[in-house]
N, C-alpha and C. Protein backbone atom coordinates (compact mmCIF):
# COMPACT_ATOMS: atom_id res chain seq x y z
N MET A 1 22.38 26.85 -17.99
CA MET A 1 21.67 27.20 -16.78
C MET A 1 22.65 27.87 -15.83
N VAL A 2 22.33 29.05 -15.37
CA VAL A 2 23.18 29.83 -14.49
C VAL A 2 22.61 29.80 -13.08
N LYS A 3 23.50 29.67 -12.09
CA LYS A 3 23.05 29.68 -10.70
C LYS A 3 22.40 31.02 -10.39
N LYS A 4 21.23 30.99 -9.81
CA LYS A 4 20.55 32.20 -9.37
C LYS A 4 20.16 32.12 -7.90
N GLU A 5 19.91 30.91 -7.39
CA GLU A 5 19.49 30.75 -6.00
C GLU A 5 20.15 29.53 -5.38
N LEU A 6 20.34 29.59 -4.09
CA LEU A 6 20.81 28.45 -3.31
C LEU A 6 19.79 28.15 -2.23
N PRO A 7 19.52 26.87 -1.94
CA PRO A 7 18.64 26.59 -0.82
C PRO A 7 19.35 26.94 0.48
N VAL A 8 18.60 27.40 1.45
CA VAL A 8 19.15 27.70 2.77
C VAL A 8 19.21 26.38 3.53
N LEU A 9 20.40 25.99 3.94
CA LEU A 9 20.57 24.72 4.63
C LEU A 9 20.17 24.82 6.08
N ASN A 10 19.67 23.73 6.62
CA ASN A 10 19.31 23.62 8.02
C ASN A 10 18.24 24.62 8.46
N GLN A 11 17.33 24.96 7.58
CA GLN A 11 16.22 25.82 7.96
C GLN A 11 14.92 25.06 7.84
N GLN A 12 13.97 25.44 8.65
CA GLN A 12 12.66 24.82 8.61
C GLN A 12 11.92 25.27 7.34
N SER A 13 11.11 24.38 6.81
CA SER A 13 10.32 24.74 5.64
C SER A 13 9.15 25.63 6.07
N VAL A 14 8.73 26.48 5.15
CA VAL A 14 7.60 27.37 5.37
C VAL A 14 6.53 26.94 4.38
N ASN A 15 5.38 26.49 4.91
CA ASN A 15 4.30 25.97 4.05
C ASN A 15 4.80 24.87 3.12
N GLY A 16 5.70 24.03 3.63
CA GLY A 16 6.20 22.91 2.85
C GLY A 16 7.30 23.27 1.87
N LYS A 17 7.74 24.53 1.84
CA LYS A 17 8.79 24.95 0.92
C LYS A 17 9.99 25.46 1.71
N VAL A 18 11.20 25.13 1.22
CA VAL A 18 12.42 25.61 1.85
C VAL A 18 12.71 27.01 1.30
N PRO A 19 12.90 28.00 2.20
CA PRO A 19 13.21 29.35 1.72
C PRO A 19 14.50 29.37 0.92
N LYS A 20 14.58 30.24 -0.07
CA LYS A 20 15.77 30.36 -0.90
C LYS A 20 16.50 31.67 -0.57
N THR A 21 17.81 31.64 -0.70
CA THR A 21 18.61 32.83 -0.52
C THR A 21 19.08 33.27 -1.89
N ARG A 22 18.90 34.53 -2.22
CA ARG A 22 19.35 35.04 -3.52
C ARG A 22 20.88 35.09 -3.54
N LEU A 23 21.43 34.59 -4.61
CA LEU A 23 22.88 34.66 -4.78
C LEU A 23 23.27 36.08 -5.09
N ARG A 24 24.46 36.45 -4.70
CA ARG A 24 24.95 37.81 -4.94
C ARG A 24 26.00 37.80 -6.03
N TYR A 25 25.78 36.98 -7.05
CA TYR A 25 26.63 36.95 -8.23
C TYR A 25 25.82 36.39 -9.39
N ASP A 26 26.29 36.63 -10.59
CA ASP A 26 25.62 36.15 -11.79
C ASP A 26 26.69 35.64 -12.74
N CYS A 27 26.81 34.33 -12.86
CA CYS A 27 27.85 33.72 -13.69
C CYS A 27 27.79 34.19 -15.14
N SER A 28 26.61 34.58 -15.61
CA SER A 28 26.50 35.00 -17.02
C SER A 28 27.18 36.35 -17.28
N ASN A 29 27.57 37.07 -16.22
CA ASN A 29 28.27 38.34 -16.37
C ASN A 29 29.76 38.22 -16.04
N CYS A 30 30.27 37.02 -16.04
CA CYS A 30 31.67 36.77 -15.67
C CYS A 30 32.39 36.08 -16.83
N PRO A 31 33.68 36.34 -17.02
CA PRO A 31 34.42 35.67 -18.09
C PRO A 31 34.86 34.25 -17.73
N ALA A 32 34.32 33.71 -16.65
CA ALA A 32 34.58 32.33 -16.22
C ALA A 32 35.95 32.15 -15.58
N TYR A 33 36.27 33.02 -14.63
CA TYR A 33 37.53 32.89 -13.91
C TYR A 33 37.72 31.49 -13.33
N CYS A 34 36.66 30.95 -12.72
CA CYS A 34 36.79 29.65 -12.04
C CYS A 34 37.11 28.52 -13.00
N CYS A 35 36.80 28.67 -14.26
CA CYS A 35 37.07 27.63 -15.27
C CYS A 35 38.52 27.68 -15.75
N THR A 36 39.29 28.64 -15.23
CA THR A 36 40.68 28.77 -15.66
C THR A 36 41.66 28.35 -14.58
N TYR A 37 41.16 27.82 -13.45
CA TYR A 37 42.07 27.28 -12.43
C TYR A 37 42.99 26.27 -13.11
N ASP A 38 44.26 26.26 -12.73
CA ASP A 38 45.19 25.29 -13.30
C ASP A 38 44.73 23.87 -13.04
N TRP A 39 44.19 23.64 -11.83
CA TRP A 39 43.78 22.30 -11.45
C TRP A 39 42.31 22.30 -11.06
N ILE A 40 41.49 21.72 -11.90
CA ILE A 40 40.07 21.53 -11.59
C ILE A 40 39.92 20.05 -11.25
N HIS A 41 39.87 19.78 -9.97
CA HIS A 41 39.87 18.41 -9.46
C HIS A 41 38.67 17.61 -9.98
N VAL A 42 38.92 16.35 -10.35
CA VAL A 42 37.84 15.45 -10.74
C VAL A 42 37.93 14.16 -9.94
N THR A 43 36.77 13.62 -9.62
CA THR A 43 36.67 12.37 -8.88
C THR A 43 36.33 11.24 -9.84
N LYS A 44 36.37 10.02 -9.33
CA LYS A 44 35.96 8.87 -10.15
C LYS A 44 34.52 9.02 -10.61
N ARG A 45 33.68 9.53 -9.72
CA ARG A 45 32.26 9.75 -10.06
C ARG A 45 32.13 10.77 -11.20
N ASP A 46 32.95 11.81 -11.17
CA ASP A 46 32.93 12.81 -12.24
C ASP A 46 33.30 12.18 -13.58
N ILE A 47 34.31 11.33 -13.57
CA ILE A 47 34.75 10.67 -14.80
C ILE A 47 33.66 9.72 -15.30
N GLU A 48 33.01 9.00 -14.38
CA GLU A 48 31.89 8.12 -14.77
C GLU A 48 30.77 8.93 -15.43
N ARG A 49 30.48 10.12 -14.87
CA ARG A 49 29.44 10.99 -15.41
C ARG A 49 29.80 11.45 -16.83
N LEU A 50 31.07 11.82 -17.04
CA LEU A 50 31.52 12.24 -18.36
C LEU A 50 31.50 11.08 -19.36
N ALA A 51 31.89 9.91 -18.89
CA ALA A 51 31.88 8.72 -19.76
C ALA A 51 30.46 8.44 -20.23
N LYS A 52 29.51 8.48 -19.32
CA LYS A 52 28.12 8.24 -19.69
C LYS A 52 27.62 9.30 -20.66
N ARG A 53 27.95 10.57 -20.40
CA ARG A 53 27.50 11.67 -21.26
C ARG A 53 27.99 11.50 -22.70
N PHE A 54 29.24 11.06 -22.87
CA PHE A 54 29.84 10.95 -24.20
C PHE A 54 29.82 9.53 -24.76
N GLY A 55 29.21 8.58 -24.04
CA GLY A 55 29.13 7.21 -24.53
C GLY A 55 30.49 6.53 -24.61
N LEU A 56 31.33 6.79 -23.62
CA LEU A 56 32.68 6.23 -23.59
C LEU A 56 32.84 5.31 -22.39
N SER A 57 33.88 4.49 -22.42
CA SER A 57 34.21 3.71 -21.23
C SER A 57 34.85 4.65 -20.22
N TYR A 58 34.93 4.20 -18.99
CA TYR A 58 35.57 5.00 -17.94
C TYR A 58 37.00 5.34 -18.35
N GLU A 59 37.72 4.33 -18.84
CA GLU A 59 39.12 4.51 -19.21
C GLU A 59 39.27 5.51 -20.36
N GLU A 60 38.37 5.45 -21.36
CA GLU A 60 38.42 6.38 -22.48
C GLU A 60 38.16 7.82 -22.01
N ALA A 61 37.17 8.00 -21.14
CA ALA A 61 36.84 9.33 -20.63
C ALA A 61 37.99 9.87 -19.78
N GLU A 62 38.56 9.02 -18.95
CA GLU A 62 39.68 9.44 -18.11
C GLU A 62 40.85 9.93 -18.97
N GLU A 63 41.15 9.20 -20.01
CA GLU A 63 42.26 9.55 -20.91
C GLU A 63 41.96 10.81 -21.73
N LYS A 64 40.75 10.92 -22.22
CA LYS A 64 40.39 12.02 -23.11
C LYS A 64 40.16 13.35 -22.38
N PHE A 65 39.58 13.32 -21.20
CA PHE A 65 39.14 14.54 -20.53
C PHE A 65 39.96 14.95 -19.30
N THR A 66 40.81 14.05 -18.80
CA THR A 66 41.55 14.36 -17.58
C THR A 66 43.04 14.06 -17.74
N GLU A 67 43.79 14.54 -16.76
CA GLU A 67 45.22 14.21 -16.68
C GLU A 67 45.60 14.18 -15.20
N PHE A 68 46.67 13.48 -14.89
CA PHE A 68 47.13 13.43 -13.51
C PHE A 68 48.14 14.54 -13.30
N ALA A 69 47.84 15.46 -12.39
CA ALA A 69 48.74 16.57 -12.06
C ALA A 69 49.68 16.10 -10.95
N ILE A 70 50.90 15.79 -11.30
CA ILE A 70 51.86 15.24 -10.35
C ILE A 70 52.07 16.18 -9.17
N GLU A 71 52.24 17.50 -9.46
CA GLU A 71 52.48 18.45 -8.36
C GLU A 71 51.28 18.61 -7.45
N TYR A 72 50.10 18.32 -7.95
CA TYR A 72 48.86 18.45 -7.17
C TYR A 72 48.50 17.12 -6.51
N GLY A 73 48.90 16.02 -7.17
CA GLY A 73 48.63 14.69 -6.62
C GLY A 73 47.24 14.16 -6.89
N HIS A 74 46.53 14.76 -7.85
CA HIS A 74 45.17 14.34 -8.18
C HIS A 74 44.93 14.42 -9.68
N ARG A 75 43.86 13.77 -10.10
CA ARG A 75 43.42 13.85 -11.48
C ARG A 75 42.63 15.15 -11.65
N VAL A 76 42.88 15.85 -12.77
CA VAL A 76 42.26 17.15 -13.03
C VAL A 76 41.72 17.19 -14.46
N MET A 77 40.86 18.18 -14.73
CA MET A 77 40.33 18.38 -16.08
C MET A 77 41.44 18.86 -17.00
N ARG A 78 41.39 18.41 -18.26
CA ARG A 78 42.33 18.91 -19.26
C ARG A 78 41.94 20.33 -19.65
N HIS A 79 42.93 21.11 -20.04
CA HIS A 79 42.72 22.49 -20.50
C HIS A 79 42.94 22.60 -22.00
N ARG A 80 42.54 23.73 -22.54
CA ARG A 80 42.81 24.11 -23.93
C ARG A 80 43.22 25.57 -23.90
N LYS A 81 43.84 26.05 -24.98
CA LYS A 81 44.20 27.47 -25.07
C LYS A 81 42.93 28.30 -25.01
N ASP A 82 43.07 29.50 -24.44
CA ASP A 82 41.92 30.38 -24.28
C ASP A 82 42.30 31.79 -24.73
N HIS A 83 41.38 32.49 -25.38
CA HIS A 83 41.68 33.83 -25.88
C HIS A 83 41.58 34.92 -24.81
N VAL A 84 40.97 34.62 -23.68
CA VAL A 84 40.88 35.60 -22.59
C VAL A 84 41.99 35.34 -21.57
N PHE A 85 42.11 34.10 -21.12
CA PHE A 85 43.15 33.70 -20.19
C PHE A 85 44.10 32.76 -20.93
N LYS A 86 45.22 32.41 -20.33
CA LYS A 86 46.18 31.56 -21.06
C LYS A 86 45.60 30.19 -21.39
N SER A 87 44.79 29.64 -20.48
CA SER A 87 44.13 28.36 -20.75
C SER A 87 42.86 28.28 -19.92
N ALA A 88 42.00 27.32 -20.31
CA ALA A 88 40.72 27.14 -19.61
C ALA A 88 40.31 25.68 -19.74
N CYS A 89 39.37 25.28 -18.92
CA CYS A 89 38.80 23.94 -19.02
C CYS A 89 38.36 23.70 -20.46
N GLN A 90 38.61 22.52 -20.96
CA GLN A 90 38.26 22.22 -22.35
C GLN A 90 36.77 22.30 -22.63
N PHE A 91 35.95 22.30 -21.59
CA PHE A 91 34.51 22.34 -21.78
C PHE A 91 33.92 23.75 -21.64
N LEU A 92 34.77 24.76 -21.48
CA LEU A 92 34.30 26.14 -21.44
C LEU A 92 34.11 26.61 -22.88
N HIS A 93 32.89 27.06 -23.21
CA HIS A 93 32.63 27.56 -24.56
C HIS A 93 33.48 28.81 -24.76
N PRO A 94 34.27 28.90 -25.84
CA PRO A 94 35.22 30.00 -26.00
C PRO A 94 34.60 31.39 -26.18
N THR A 95 33.40 31.49 -26.71
CA THR A 95 32.80 32.81 -26.90
C THR A 95 31.64 33.08 -25.95
N LYS A 96 30.83 32.08 -25.66
CA LYS A 96 29.71 32.28 -24.73
C LYS A 96 30.17 32.30 -23.29
N ARG A 97 31.35 31.73 -23.00
CA ARG A 97 31.93 31.65 -21.66
C ARG A 97 31.02 30.89 -20.71
N THR A 98 30.40 29.82 -21.22
CA THR A 98 29.54 28.96 -20.41
C THR A 98 30.04 27.52 -20.49
N CYS A 99 29.61 26.71 -19.56
CA CYS A 99 30.02 25.31 -19.51
C CYS A 99 29.21 24.50 -20.52
N THR A 100 29.91 23.77 -21.38
CA THR A 100 29.23 22.97 -22.40
C THR A 100 28.78 21.61 -21.87
N ILE A 101 29.16 21.29 -20.63
CA ILE A 101 28.73 20.03 -20.00
C ILE A 101 28.06 20.32 -18.67
N TYR A 102 27.37 21.44 -18.56
CA TYR A 102 26.84 21.92 -17.29
C TYR A 102 26.14 20.83 -16.48
N GLU A 103 25.27 20.07 -17.10
CA GLU A 103 24.54 19.02 -16.37
C GLU A 103 25.44 17.85 -15.97
N HIS A 104 26.64 17.78 -16.54
CA HIS A 104 27.56 16.68 -16.26
C HIS A 104 28.88 17.17 -15.66
N ARG A 105 28.93 18.42 -15.21
CA ARG A 105 30.16 19.03 -14.71
C ARG A 105 30.65 18.35 -13.44
N PRO A 106 31.95 18.48 -13.15
CA PRO A 106 32.53 17.86 -11.95
C PRO A 106 31.95 18.43 -10.65
N ALA A 107 32.09 17.66 -9.59
CA ALA A 107 31.58 18.07 -8.27
C ALA A 107 32.20 19.39 -7.81
N THR A 108 33.47 19.60 -8.11
CA THR A 108 34.14 20.85 -7.74
C THR A 108 33.40 22.04 -8.35
N CYS A 109 33.01 21.92 -9.60
CA CYS A 109 32.30 23.00 -10.28
C CYS A 109 30.88 23.16 -9.74
N ARG A 110 30.26 22.06 -9.38
CA ARG A 110 28.91 22.11 -8.82
C ARG A 110 28.90 22.84 -7.49
N ALA A 111 29.96 22.71 -6.71
CA ALA A 111 30.03 23.30 -5.38
C ALA A 111 30.48 24.76 -5.39
N PHE A 112 31.18 25.18 -6.44
CA PHE A 112 31.73 26.54 -6.47
C PHE A 112 30.63 27.57 -6.59
N PRO A 113 30.70 28.69 -5.88
CA PRO A 113 31.74 29.14 -4.96
C PRO A 113 31.48 28.78 -3.52
N GLU A 114 30.55 27.88 -3.23
CA GLU A 114 30.27 27.38 -1.89
C GLU A 114 29.70 28.44 -0.95
N ASP A 115 29.20 29.52 -1.48
CA ASP A 115 28.67 30.60 -0.66
C ASP A 115 27.69 31.41 -1.52
N ILE A 116 27.02 32.38 -0.92
CA ILE A 116 26.10 33.22 -1.69
C ILE A 116 26.86 34.31 -2.44
N ARG A 117 28.15 34.46 -2.16
CA ARG A 117 28.99 35.46 -2.84
C ARG A 117 30.10 34.76 -3.60
N CYS A 118 30.58 35.41 -4.64
CA CYS A 118 31.73 34.92 -5.40
C CYS A 118 32.75 36.05 -5.42
N GLY A 119 33.94 35.80 -4.89
CA GLY A 119 34.98 36.82 -4.83
C GLY A 119 35.35 37.36 -6.20
N TYR A 120 35.39 36.49 -7.19
CA TYR A 120 35.69 36.94 -8.56
C TYR A 120 34.64 37.91 -9.06
N TYR A 121 33.37 37.56 -8.83
CA TYR A 121 32.27 38.41 -9.30
C TYR A 121 32.28 39.76 -8.58
N ASP A 122 32.52 39.74 -7.26
CA ASP A 122 32.59 40.98 -6.51
C ASP A 122 33.70 41.89 -7.05
N PHE A 123 34.88 41.31 -7.29
CA PHE A 123 36.00 42.08 -7.82
C PHE A 123 35.68 42.61 -9.22
N LEU A 124 35.13 41.76 -10.06
CA LEU A 124 34.79 42.16 -11.43
C LEU A 124 33.77 43.29 -11.45
N THR A 125 32.75 43.18 -10.61
CA THR A 125 31.73 44.23 -10.53
C THR A 125 32.35 45.55 -10.07
N TRP A 126 33.18 45.49 -9.03
CA TRP A 126 33.86 46.67 -8.51
C TRP A 126 34.73 47.30 -9.59
N GLU A 127 35.54 46.49 -10.28
CA GLU A 127 36.45 47.00 -11.31
C GLU A 127 35.69 47.59 -12.49
N ARG A 128 34.61 46.96 -12.91
CA ARG A 128 33.82 47.49 -14.02
C ARG A 128 33.19 48.82 -13.67
N GLU A 129 32.74 48.96 -12.43
CA GLU A 129 32.18 50.25 -11.98
C GLU A 129 33.25 51.33 -12.03
N ARG A 130 34.46 51.03 -11.54
CA ARG A 130 35.56 52.00 -11.54
C ARG A 130 35.99 52.38 -12.96
N GLN A 131 35.97 51.42 -13.87
CA GLN A 131 36.39 51.66 -15.25
C GLN A 131 35.28 52.29 -16.09
N GLY A 132 34.04 52.21 -15.60
CA GLY A 132 32.91 52.71 -16.38
C GLY A 132 32.69 51.89 -17.64
N ASP A 133 33.00 50.59 -17.55
CA ASP A 133 32.94 49.71 -18.72
C ASP A 133 32.37 48.36 -18.28
N GLU A 134 31.13 48.07 -18.69
CA GLU A 134 30.46 46.83 -18.27
C GLU A 134 31.07 45.56 -18.86
N SER A 135 31.95 45.69 -19.87
CA SER A 135 32.56 44.51 -20.47
C SER A 135 34.04 44.36 -20.10
N PHE A 136 34.56 45.24 -19.25
CA PHE A 136 35.96 45.22 -18.86
C PHE A 136 36.32 43.91 -18.16
N ILE A 137 37.46 43.34 -18.54
CA ILE A 137 37.97 42.12 -17.89
C ILE A 137 39.39 42.41 -17.42
N PRO A 138 39.61 42.54 -16.10
CA PRO A 138 40.96 42.80 -15.59
C PRO A 138 41.82 41.55 -15.76
N LEU A 139 42.98 41.72 -16.38
CA LEU A 139 43.89 40.61 -16.61
C LEU A 139 45.25 40.91 -16.03
N HIS A 140 45.90 39.89 -15.50
CA HIS A 140 47.27 40.00 -15.01
C HIS A 140 48.16 39.48 -16.12
N GLN A 141 49.09 40.32 -16.56
CA GLN A 141 49.98 39.88 -17.64
C GLN A 141 51.42 39.89 -17.22
């Protein structure tokens, strides 16, 4: 499931319905930049959600899916090698570039990008237009 709309916060309902604002990005057209952050913060609630999803204890899920990033000072999602970027969240599908635990994803992922625009998507769209290539992925090497 890809984000397409966000509810408008603090607005009055119209005929019992809250107006929606169209998002100005489409995650299905992105190589999942946000899933490649070095540190994808997870909370205790996120770990509980993952434990329930996989039928594990809290401790097993914490050990299997997260690690403590000393330099960051928080528990984060584990990564795996990635063919597009150097590494990515272990739950990013390697070819579809979608989240394999979407309904159980961490709060950080649920909140991203916290706006109707995504800077990564804007940059990617701009770069693809300039390159004349709808599949172009700009990489820093």
